[in-house]
């Protein structure tokens, strides 16, 4: 339905589209419920101290300990970065602090050869508008 006006809510910002480029509004008129953290996205990158000589002896234990986190259910998915050396983990933890503690305990973390940017993730709360749509504004007479 291209002619229909579609309303999409993404990260609390409304975008309207009716065959024209979307226009972002600065504030959402709908309050969204808080979302619990259900996963943490961990994006790893090597530090300046990481070099082949420092990393080579550590990698067998790094792989073993990472597999243990996976088998223990703490790492749900794991990927290698395509843009630069590093890894990306989708972790089954509910706090950034827990993810940080687990990753810092890995051999590369202990030796300060890898660091992680940690992003808490939660359910897409704008979907709650499908379950409980906001009341239509009263018509002015």
C-alpha atoms as a PDB file:
ATOM      1  CA  UNK A   1       0.000   0.000   0.000  1.00  0.00           C
ATOM      2  CA  UNK A   2       2.320   2.704  -1.261  1.00  0.00           C
ATOM      3  CA  UNK A   3      -0.318   5.434  -1.157  1.00  0.00           C
ATOM      4  CA  UNK A   4      -1.176   4.785   2.464  1.00  0.00           C
ATOM      5  CA  UNK A   5       0.692   6.677   5.118  1.00  0.00           C
ATOM      6  CA  UNK A   6       2.781   4.220   7.070  1.00  0.00           C
ATOM      7  CA  UNK A   7       3.979   4.985  10.549  1.00  0.00           C
ATOM      8  CA  UNK A   8       7.120   3.280  11.707  1.00  0.00           C
ATOM      9  CA  UNK A   9       8.486   3.605  15.189  1.00  0.00           C
ATOM     10  CA  UNK A  10      12.179   2.898  15.559  1.00  0.00           C
ATOM     11  CA  UNK A  11      14.145   3.720  18.720  1.00  0.00           C
ATOM     12  CA  UNK A  12      11.496   6.144  19.926  1.00  0.00           C
ATOM     13  CA  UNK A  13      11.592   8.349  16.802  1.00  0.00           C
ATOM     14  CA  UNK A  14       8.624   8.505  14.445  1.00  0.00           C
ATOM     15  CA  UNK A  15       9.254   8.479  10.730  1.00  0.00           C
ATOM     16  CA  UNK A  16       6.369   9.244   8.391  1.00  0.00           C
ATOM     17  CA  UNK A  17       6.410   8.075   4.786  1.00  0.00           C
ATOM     18  CA  UNK A  18       3.827   8.681   2.078  1.00  0.00           C
ATOM     19  CA  UNK A  19       5.764   8.300  -1.135  1.00  0.00           C
ATOM     20  CA  UNK A  20       8.205  10.987   0.035  1.00  0.00           C
ATOM     21  CA  UNK A  21      11.442  10.816   2.040  1.00  0.00           C
ATOM     22  CA  UNK A  22      10.818  10.211   5.722  1.00  0.00           C
ATOM     23  CA  UNK A  23      11.017  13.166   8.087  1.00  0.00           C
ATOM     24  CA  UNK A  24      12.213  12.529  11.620  1.00  0.00           C
ATOM     25  CA  UNK A  25      10.493  14.245  14.523  1.00  0.00           C
ATOM     26  CA  UNK A  26      12.588  15.239  17.511  1.00  0.00           C
ATOM     27  CA  UNK A  27      10.423  13.784  20.253  1.00  0.00           C
ATOM     28  CA  UNK A  28       8.181  10.752  20.396  1.00  0.00           C
ATOM     29  CA  UNK A  29       4.625  11.581  21.482  1.00  0.00           C
ATOM     30  CA  UNK A  30       4.227   8.036  22.801  1.00  0.00           C
ATOM     31  CA  UNK A  31       5.926   6.858  25.986  1.00  0.00           C
ATOM     32  CA  UNK A  32       7.453   3.432  25.505  1.00  0.00           C
ATOM     33  CA  UNK A  33       7.843   0.880  28.277  1.00  0.00           C
ATOM     34  CA  UNK A  34      11.305   0.223  29.670  1.00  0.00           C
ATOM     35  CA  UNK A  35      13.017  -2.815  28.228  1.00  0.00           C
ATOM     36  CA  UNK A  36      15.061  -5.252  30.282  1.00  0.00           C
ATOM     37  CA  UNK A  37      18.529  -6.157  29.056  1.00  0.00           C
ATOM     38  CA  UNK A  38      18.276  -9.674  27.677  1.00  0.00           C
ATOM     39  CA  UNK A  39      21.556  -9.920  25.757  1.00  0.00           C
ATOM     40  CA  UNK A  40      24.796  -8.002  25.378  1.00  0.00           C
ATOM     41  CA  UNK A  41      26.497  -7.407  22.040  1.00  0.00           C
ATOM     42  CA  UNK A  42      30.273  -7.554  22.524  1.00  0.00           C
ATOM     43  CA  UNK A  43      32.361  -6.095  19.695  1.00  0.00           C
ATOM     44  CA  UNK A  44      36.024  -6.948  20.210  1.00  0.00           C
ATOM     45  CA  UNK A  45      39.089  -5.216  18.840  1.00  0.00           C
ATOM     46  CA  UNK A  46      42.785  -5.791  19.367  1.00  0.00           C
ATOM     47  CA  UNK A  47      44.734  -3.340  21.497  1.00  0.00           C
ATOM     48  CA  UNK A  48      47.998  -1.637  20.594  1.00  0.00           C
ATOM     49  CA  UNK A  49      49.826  -4.315  22.620  1.00  0.00           C
ATOM     50  CA  UNK A  50      48.526  -7.092  20.350  1.00  0.00           C
ATOM     51  CA  UNK A  51      51.130  -8.387  17.929  1.00  0.00           C
ATOM     52  CA  UNK A  52      51.822 -11.857  16.540  1.00  0.00           C
ATOM     53  CA  UNK A  53      54.541 -12.538  19.114  1.00  0.00           C
ATOM     54  CA  UNK A  54      52.265 -11.647  22.023  1.00  0.00           C
ATOM     55  CA  UNK A  55      49.184 -13.399  20.647  1.00  0.00           C
ATOM     56  CA  UNK A  56      50.547 -16.688  19.295  1.00  0.00           C
ATOM     57  CA  UNK A  57      51.210 -18.365  22.665  1.00  0.00           C
ATOM     58  CA  UNK A  58      47.869 -17.169  24.092  1.00  0.00           C
ATOM     59  CA  UNK A  59      45.546 -18.297  21.296  1.00  0.00           C
ATOM     60  CA  UNK A  60      45.173 -22.006  22.222  1.00  0.00           C
ATOM     61  CA  UNK A  61      43.987 -21.119  25.729  1.00  0.00           C
ATOM     62  CA  UNK A  62      41.867 -18.215  24.371  1.00  0.00           C
ATOM     63  CA  UNK A  63      40.020 -20.586  22.047  1.00  0.00           C
ATOM     64  CA  UNK A  64      39.519 -23.202  24.806  1.00  0.00           C
ATOM     65  CA  UNK A  65      38.151 -20.642  27.276  1.00  0.00           C
ATOM     66  CA  UNK A  66      35.885 -19.067  24.659  1.00  0.00           C
ATOM     67  CA  UNK A  67      34.476 -22.487  23.751  1.00  0.00           C
ATOM     68  CA  UNK A  68      33.769 -23.051  27.460  1.00  0.00           C
ATOM     69  CA  UNK A  69      31.733 -19.818  27.555  1.00  0.00           C
ATOM     70  CA  UNK A  70      29.827 -20.988  24.476  1.00  0.00           C
ATOM     71  CA  UNK A  71      29.171 -24.459  25.905  1.00  0.00           C
ATOM     72  CA  UNK A  72      28.165 -22.855  29.219  1.00  0.00           C
ATOM     73  CA  UNK A  73      25.516 -20.802  27.424  1.00  0.00           C
ATOM     74  CA  UNK A  74      27.125 -17.408  28.005  1.00  0.00           C
ATOM     75  CA  UNK A  75      28.009 -16.886  24.331  1.00  0.00           C
ATOM     76  CA  UNK A  76      24.995 -17.414  22.090  1.00  0.00           C
ATOM     77  CA  UNK A  77      26.564 -16.525  18.733  1.00  0.00           C
ATOM     78  CA  UNK A  78      30.098 -15.659  17.666  1.00  0.00           C
ATOM     79  CA  UNK A  79      31.502 -14.091  14.564  1.00  0.00           C
ATOM     80  CA  UNK A  80      34.781 -12.829  13.186  1.00  0.00           C
ATOM     81  CA  UNK A  81      34.879  -9.174  12.178  1.00  0.00           C
ATOM     82  CA  UNK A  82      35.280  -8.555   8.465  1.00  0.00           C
ATOM     83  CA  UNK A  83      36.437  -4.933   8.766  1.00  0.00           C
ATOM     84  CA  UNK A  84      39.444  -5.489  11.063  1.00  0.00           C
ATOM     85  CA  UNK A  85      40.871  -8.123  13.431  1.00  0.00           C
ATOM     86  CA  UNK A  86      38.474  -8.953  16.208  1.00  0.00           C
ATOM     87  CA  UNK A  87      35.363 -10.877  17.152  1.00  0.00           C
ATOM     88  CA  UNK A  88      31.698 -10.177  17.827  1.00  0.00           C
ATOM     89  CA  UNK A  89      29.783 -12.141  20.447  1.00  0.00           C
ATOM     90  CA  UNK A  90      26.081 -12.093  21.180  1.00  0.00           C
ATOM     91  CA  UNK A  91      26.086 -12.932  24.864  1.00  0.00           C
ATOM     92  CA  UNK A  92      23.378 -14.473  27.042  1.00  0.00           C
ATOM     93  CA  UNK A  93      23.849 -12.135  29.989  1.00  0.00           C
ATOM     94  CA  UNK A  94      21.591  -9.477  31.462  1.00  0.00           C
ATOM     95  CA  UNK A  95      24.175  -6.868  32.444  1.00  0.00           C
ATOM     96  CA  UNK A  96      27.117  -5.176  30.800  1.00  0.00           C
ATOM     97  CA  UNK A  97      29.048  -5.774  34.030  1.00  0.00           C
ATOM     98  CA  UNK A  98      28.653  -9.548  33.705  1.00  0.00           C
ATOM     99  CA  UNK A  99      29.744  -9.474  30.047  1.00  0.00           C
ATOM    100  CA  UNK A 100      32.737  -7.328  30.956  1.00  0.00           C
ATOM    101  CA  UNK A 101      33.792  -9.673  33.765  1.00  0.00           C
ATOM    102  CA  UNK A 102      33.527 -12.755  31.550  1.00  0.00           C
ATOM    103  CA  UNK A 103      35.435 -11.210  28.643  1.00  0.00           C
ATOM    104  CA  UNK A 104      38.159  -9.709  30.825  1.00  0.00           C
ATOM    105  CA  UNK A 105      38.754 -13.159  32.328  1.00  0.00           C
ATOM    106  CA  UNK A 106      39.614 -14.624  28.899  1.00  0.00           C
ATOM    107  CA  UNK A 107      43.367 -14.912  28.224  1.00  0.00           C
ATOM    108  CA  UNK A 108      43.444 -12.040  25.693  1.00  0.00           C
ATOM    109  CA  UNK A 109      41.553  -9.848  28.159  1.00  0.00           C
ATOM    110  CA  UNK A 110      43.844 -10.750  31.067  1.00  0.00           C
ATOM    111  CA  UNK A 111      46.877  -9.821  28.950  1.00  0.00           C
ATOM    112  CA  UNK A 112      45.179  -6.605  27.697  1.00  0.00           C
ATOM    113  CA  UNK A 113      45.445  -7.763  24.070  1.00  0.00           C
ATOM    114  CA  UNK A 114      41.727  -7.421  23.276  1.00  0.00           C
ATOM    115  CA  UNK A 115      39.047  -4.997  24.446  1.00  0.00           C
ATOM    116  CA  UNK A 116      35.302  -5.003  23.882  1.00  0.00           C
ATOM    117  CA  UNK A 117      32.668  -2.397  23.224  1.00  0.00           C
ATOM    118  CA  UNK A 118      29.573  -3.667  25.051  1.00  0.00           C
ATOM    119  CA  UNK A 119      26.020  -2.837  24.002  1.00  0.00           C
ATOM    120  CA  UNK A 120      23.055  -3.883  26.177  1.00  0.00           C
ATOM    121  CA  UNK A 121      20.142  -5.193  24.087  1.00  0.00           C
ATOM    122  CA  UNK A 122      16.485  -5.565  24.991  1.00  0.00           C
ATOM    123  CA  UNK A 123      13.163  -6.365  23.373  1.00  0.00           C
ATOM    124  CA  UNK A 124      11.931  -4.007  20.676  1.00  0.00           C
ATOM    125  CA  UNK A 125       9.518  -2.062  22.887  1.00  0.00           C
ATOM    126  CA  UNK A 126       7.840  -0.149  20.031  1.00  0.00           C
ATOM    127  CA  UNK A 127       6.091  -3.445  19.253  1.00  0.00           C
ATOM    128  CA  UNK A 128       4.030  -2.808  22.390  1.00  0.00           C
ATOM    129  CA  UNK A 129       2.127  -0.233  20.327  1.00  0.00           C
ATOM    130  CA  UNK A 130       0.720  -3.114  18.272  1.00  0.00           C
ATOM    131  CA  UNK A 131      -0.646  -4.715  21.421  1.00  0.00           C
ATOM    132  CA  UNK A 132      -1.766  -1.504  23.139  1.00  0.00           C
ATOM    133  CA  UNK A 133      -2.138   1.210  20.480  1.00  0.00           C
ATOM    134  CA  UNK A 134      -2.158   4.797  21.761  1.00  0.00           C
ATOM    135  CA  UNK A 135      -5.526   6.486  21.990  1.00  0.00           C
ATOM    136  CA  UNK A 136      -6.388   8.705  19.040  1.00  0.00           C
ATOM    137  CA  UNK A 137      -6.282  12.424  19.865  1.00  0.00           C
ATOM    138  CA  UNK A 138      -9.669  13.983  20.565  1.00  0.00           C
ATOM    139  CA  UNK A 139     -11.110  15.883  17.624  1.00  0.00           C
ATOM    140  CA  UNK A 140     -11.362  19.640  18.161  1.00  0.00           C
ATOM    141  CA  UNK A 141     -14.835  21.028  17.436  1.00  0.00           C
END
